[in-house]
Amino acid sequence: MKPLMLAGAFLTAAGIIGLLFGNAIPYMSHEKFPSDGPVQVITRQEKFLSIPPVVSGIAIGGGILLMVLAARK
């Protein structure tokens, strides 16, 4: 497979995943607090990664364009 075709397929897949999940890509954040004694305090907080739909659309369009250019050569 041509590298340009592979890059286009990857961009297209990433754009589709971005559109499907949108603001719902969760990840965990860990934070340690300083302490004076033997007790350690660590908090875990679930946060969400936000991907704007415009960025996903540009990724899909760019991926399709790369795949078309790779097929023409």
Protein backbone atom coordinates (compact mmCIF):
# COMPACT_ATOMS: atom_id res chain seq x y z
CA MET A 1 0.00 0.00 0.00
CA LYS A 2 1.26 3.45 -0.86
CA PRO A 3 2.23 5.71 2.06
CA LEU A 4 -0.05 8.48 0.78
CA MET A 5 -3.01 6.07 0.65
CA LEU A 6 -2.24 4.85 4.18
CA ALA A 7 -2.05 8.42 5.52
CA GLY A 8 -5.36 9.24 3.83
CA ALA A 9 -7.05 6.20 5.32
CA PHE A 10 -5.72 7.08 8.77
CA LEU A 11 -6.95 10.69 8.50
CA THR A 12 -10.37 9.59 7.30
CA ALA A 13 -10.73 7.06 10.12
CA ALA A 14 -9.61 9.62 12.71
CA GLY A 15 -12.14 12.14 11.38
CA ILE A 16 -14.98 9.63 11.53
CA ILE A 17 -14.06 8.65 15.09
CA GLY A 18 -13.92 12.34 16.02
CA LEU A 19 -17.42 12.88 14.63
CA LEU A 20 -18.84 9.81 16.34
CA PHE A 21 -17.46 10.52 19.80
CA GLY A 22 -17.31 14.34 19.69
CA ASN A 23 -17.02 15.53 23.29
CA ALA A 24 -17.19 12.08 24.81
CA ILE A 25 -13.57 10.88 24.73
CA PRO A 26 -12.87 10.35 28.44
CA TYR A 27 -9.50 10.19 30.16
CA MET A 28 -8.43 10.08 33.81
CA SER A 29 -6.39 12.83 35.43
CA HIS A 30 -4.28 12.06 38.51
CA GLU A 31 -3.06 14.79 40.84
CA LYS A 32 -0.83 14.42 43.92
CA PHE A 33 -1.03 16.90 46.74
CA PRO A 34 2.00 17.72 48.90
CA SER A 35 1.83 16.39 52.44
CA ASP A 36 3.83 16.82 55.64
CA GLY A 37 3.14 13.43 57.16
CA PRO A 38 3.07 9.82 56.04
CA VAL A 39 -0.30 10.26 54.31
CA GLN A 40 -0.37 10.74 50.54
CA VAL A 41 -3.38 12.35 48.91
CA ILE A 42 -4.03 11.49 45.26
CA THR A 43 -7.15 12.58 43.42
CA ARG A 44 -8.51 11.02 40.25
CA GLN A 45 -10.82 13.03 38.06
CA GLU A 46 -12.47 11.98 34.82
CA LYS A 47 -12.10 14.61 32.12
CA PHE A 48 -13.33 14.72 28.54
CA LEU A 49 -11.42 15.56 25.37
CA SER A 50 -13.29 17.95 23.09
CA ILE A 51 -12.85 17.63 19.32
CA PRO A 52 -14.71 20.27 17.28
CA PRO A 53 -16.76 18.90 14.37
CA VAL A 54 -14.98 21.28 11.98
CA VAL A 55 -11.64 19.60 12.73
CA SER A 56 -13.17 16.17 12.13
CA GLY A 57 -14.66 17.35 8.83
CA ILE A 58 -11.32 18.75 7.69
CA ALA A 59 -9.63 15.45 8.60
CA ILE A 60 -12.18 13.46 6.59
CA GLY A 61 -11.88 15.79 3.59
CA GLY A 62 -8.09 15.76 3.71
CA GLY A 63 -8.00 11.98 4.04
CA ILE A 64 -10.28 11.48 1.05
CA LEU A 65 -8.20 13.94 -0.95
CA LEU A 66 -4.98 12.07 -0.10
CA MET A 67 -6.52 8.74 -1.09
CA VAL A 68 -7.74 10.16 -4.42
CA LEU A 69 -4.30 11.64 -5.14
CA ALA A 70 -2.62 8.32 -4.28
CA ALA A 71 -4.97 6.41 -6.59
CA ARG A 72 -4.28 8.75 -9.53
CA LYS A 73 -0.51 8.23 -9.50
